[in-house]
């Protein structure tokens, strides 16, 4: 028998959606994301975050890289004021 997904009112998508299975970070931001962000919005962030990693050549093993990505995550989900960093990614032209 499968467990019902934990539902959250997603602050990014504005809908009641299945939440994350566990906090993504071991800090206050991770707990807030766990409580207020849906799995769907988190998956969207993971796809978008690759653009930051590639544009800025972020080393996720370094403290600086981790700090940069946590800040971008915080801005992306509206926990912090500011502009999300610009990326080099350009959408492909529509046929």
C-alpha atoms as a PDB file:
ATOM      1  CA  UNK A   1       0.000   0.000   0.000  1.00  0.00           C
ATOM      2  CA  UNK A   2       1.521   3.325  -1.019  1.00  0.00           C
ATOM      3  CA  UNK A   3       1.638   6.309   1.275  1.00  0.00           C
ATOM      4  CA  UNK A   4      -0.282   9.450   0.357  1.00  0.00           C
ATOM      5  CA  UNK A   5       2.097  12.253  -0.658  1.00  0.00           C
ATOM      6  CA  UNK A   6       2.540  15.105   1.805  1.00  0.00           C
ATOM      7  CA  UNK A   7       0.765  18.127   0.327  1.00  0.00           C
ATOM      8  CA  UNK A   8       2.057  21.701   0.532  1.00  0.00           C
ATOM      9  CA  UNK A   9       0.702  25.044  -0.625  1.00  0.00           C
ATOM     10  CA  UNK A  10       3.549  25.771  -3.042  1.00  0.00           C
ATOM     11  CA  UNK A  11       4.854  29.315  -2.725  1.00  0.00           C
ATOM     12  CA  UNK A  12       6.367  29.168  -6.233  1.00  0.00           C
ATOM     13  CA  UNK A  13       3.459  27.686  -8.197  1.00  0.00           C
ATOM     14  CA  UNK A  14       0.588  28.878  -5.981  1.00  0.00           C
ATOM     15  CA  UNK A  15      -1.119  25.486  -5.840  1.00  0.00           C
ATOM     16  CA  UNK A  16      -1.638  22.657  -3.375  1.00  0.00           C
ATOM     17  CA  UNK A  17       0.834  20.037  -4.637  1.00  0.00           C
ATOM     18  CA  UNK A  18       2.857  17.063  -3.348  1.00  0.00           C
ATOM     19  CA  UNK A  19       5.814  18.246  -1.263  1.00  0.00           C
ATOM     20  CA  UNK A  20       9.398  17.108  -1.031  1.00  0.00           C
ATOM     21  CA  UNK A  21      10.196  13.859   0.769  1.00  0.00           C
ATOM     22  CA  UNK A  22      12.904  15.555   2.870  1.00  0.00           C
ATOM     23  CA  UNK A  23      14.469  19.006   3.288  1.00  0.00           C
ATOM     24  CA  UNK A  24      16.959  19.695   0.458  1.00  0.00           C
ATOM     25  CA  UNK A  25      19.466  21.458   2.755  1.00  0.00           C
ATOM     26  CA  UNK A  26      20.397  20.960   6.398  1.00  0.00           C
ATOM     27  CA  UNK A  27      19.617  24.523   7.401  1.00  0.00           C
ATOM     28  CA  UNK A  28      16.693  26.890   7.958  1.00  0.00           C
ATOM     29  CA  UNK A  29      16.259  27.488   4.208  1.00  0.00           C
ATOM     30  CA  UNK A  30      16.053  23.741   3.592  1.00  0.00           C
ATOM     31  CA  UNK A  31      13.339  23.419   6.243  1.00  0.00           C
ATOM     32  CA  UNK A  32      11.351  26.328   4.778  1.00  0.00           C
ATOM     33  CA  UNK A  33      11.595  24.830   1.273  1.00  0.00           C
ATOM     34  CA  UNK A  34      10.463  21.468   2.666  1.00  0.00           C
ATOM     35  CA  UNK A  35       7.410  23.101   4.254  1.00  0.00           C
ATOM     36  CA  UNK A  36       6.466  25.516   1.437  1.00  0.00           C
ATOM     37  CA  UNK A  37       7.755  24.244  -1.944  1.00  0.00           C
ATOM     38  CA  UNK A  38       6.289  21.424  -4.038  1.00  0.00           C
ATOM     39  CA  UNK A  39       8.283  18.618  -5.605  1.00  0.00           C
ATOM     40  CA  UNK A  40       7.246  19.993  -9.001  1.00  0.00           C
ATOM     41  CA  UNK A  41       8.703  23.461  -8.245  1.00  0.00           C
ATOM     42  CA  UNK A  42      11.871  21.888  -6.794  1.00  0.00           C
ATOM     43  CA  UNK A  43      12.334  19.780  -9.947  1.00  0.00           C
ATOM     44  CA  UNK A  44      11.932  22.970 -11.997  1.00  0.00           C
ATOM     45  CA  UNK A  45      14.623  24.633  -9.841  1.00  0.00           C
ATOM     46  CA  UNK A  46      16.996  21.694 -10.345  1.00  0.00           C
ATOM     47  CA  UNK A  47      16.672  22.088 -14.129  1.00  0.00           C
ATOM     48  CA  UNK A  48      17.156  25.879 -13.903  1.00  0.00           C
ATOM     49  CA  UNK A  49      20.071  25.566 -11.463  1.00  0.00           C
ATOM     50  CA  UNK A  50      22.123  23.722 -14.092  1.00  0.00           C
ATOM     51  CA  UNK A  51      22.180  27.000 -16.059  1.00  0.00           C
ATOM     52  CA  UNK A  52      23.830  28.775 -13.096  1.00  0.00           C
ATOM     53  CA  UNK A  53      26.301  25.964 -12.554  1.00  0.00           C
ATOM     54  CA  UNK A  54      27.316  25.989 -16.224  1.00  0.00           C
ATOM     55  CA  UNK A  55      27.391  29.786 -16.671  1.00  0.00           C
ATOM     56  CA  UNK A  56      29.387  30.509 -13.507  1.00  0.00           C
ATOM     57  CA  UNK A  57      31.313  27.206 -13.453  1.00  0.00           C
ATOM     58  CA  UNK A  58      30.111  26.687  -9.902  1.00  0.00           C
ATOM     59  CA  UNK A  59      32.124  24.166  -7.900  1.00  0.00           C
ATOM     60  CA  UNK A  60      29.477  22.658  -5.646  1.00  0.00           C
ATOM     61  CA  UNK A  61      32.187  21.069  -3.502  1.00  0.00           C
ATOM     62  CA  UNK A  62      33.554  24.491  -2.507  1.00  0.00           C
ATOM     63  CA  UNK A  63      32.078  26.657   0.261  1.00  0.00           C
ATOM     64  CA  UNK A  64      31.887  29.579  -2.203  1.00  0.00           C
ATOM     65  CA  UNK A  65      29.965  27.502  -4.745  1.00  0.00           C
ATOM     66  CA  UNK A  66      27.578  26.205  -2.108  1.00  0.00           C
ATOM     67  CA  UNK A  67      26.991  29.716  -0.750  1.00  0.00           C
ATOM     68  CA  UNK A  68      26.286  31.028  -4.281  1.00  0.00           C
ATOM     69  CA  UNK A  69      23.773  28.262  -5.024  1.00  0.00           C
ATOM     70  CA  UNK A  70      21.998  28.599  -1.658  1.00  0.00           C
ATOM     71  CA  UNK A  71      21.630  32.347  -2.305  1.00  0.00           C
ATOM     72  CA  UNK A  72      20.246  31.688  -5.812  1.00  0.00           C
ATOM     73  CA  UNK A  73      17.844  29.096  -4.385  1.00  0.00           C
ATOM     74  CA  UNK A  74      16.659  31.590  -1.760  1.00  0.00           C
ATOM     75  CA  UNK A  75      16.030  34.302  -4.377  1.00  0.00           C
ATOM     76  CA  UNK A  76      14.401  31.824  -6.795  1.00  0.00           C
ATOM     77  CA  UNK A  77      11.795  30.787  -4.238  1.00  0.00           C
ATOM     78  CA  UNK A  78      11.229  34.335  -2.971  1.00  0.00           C
ATOM     79  CA  UNK A  79      12.817  34.009   0.475  1.00  0.00           C
ATOM     80  CA  UNK A  80      15.339  36.728  -0.275  1.00  0.00           C
ATOM     81  CA  UNK A  81      15.119  39.987  -2.189  1.00  0.00           C
ATOM     82  CA  UNK A  82      17.270  40.402  -5.238  1.00  0.00           C
ATOM     83  CA  UNK A  83      17.673  39.395  -8.826  1.00  0.00           C
ATOM     84  CA  UNK A  84      18.487  35.848  -9.793  1.00  0.00           C
ATOM     85  CA  UNK A  85      21.931  35.783 -11.425  1.00  0.00           C
ATOM     86  CA  UNK A  86      21.936  36.135 -15.195  1.00  0.00           C
ATOM     87  CA  UNK A  87      22.865  33.027 -17.153  1.00  0.00           C
ATOM     88  CA  UNK A  88      24.395  32.475 -20.556  1.00  0.00           C
ATOM     89  CA  UNK A  89      21.511  30.167 -21.459  1.00  0.00           C
ATOM     90  CA  UNK A  90      19.451  31.297 -24.422  1.00  0.00           C
ATOM     91  CA  UNK A  91      16.247  29.457 -25.333  1.00  0.00           C
ATOM     92  CA  UNK A  92      16.395  27.728 -28.706  1.00  0.00           C
ATOM     93  CA  UNK A  93      14.595  29.566 -31.520  1.00  0.00           C
ATOM     94  CA  UNK A  94      11.052  28.441 -32.178  1.00  0.00           C
ATOM     95  CA  UNK A  95      10.654  26.663 -35.537  1.00  0.00           C
END
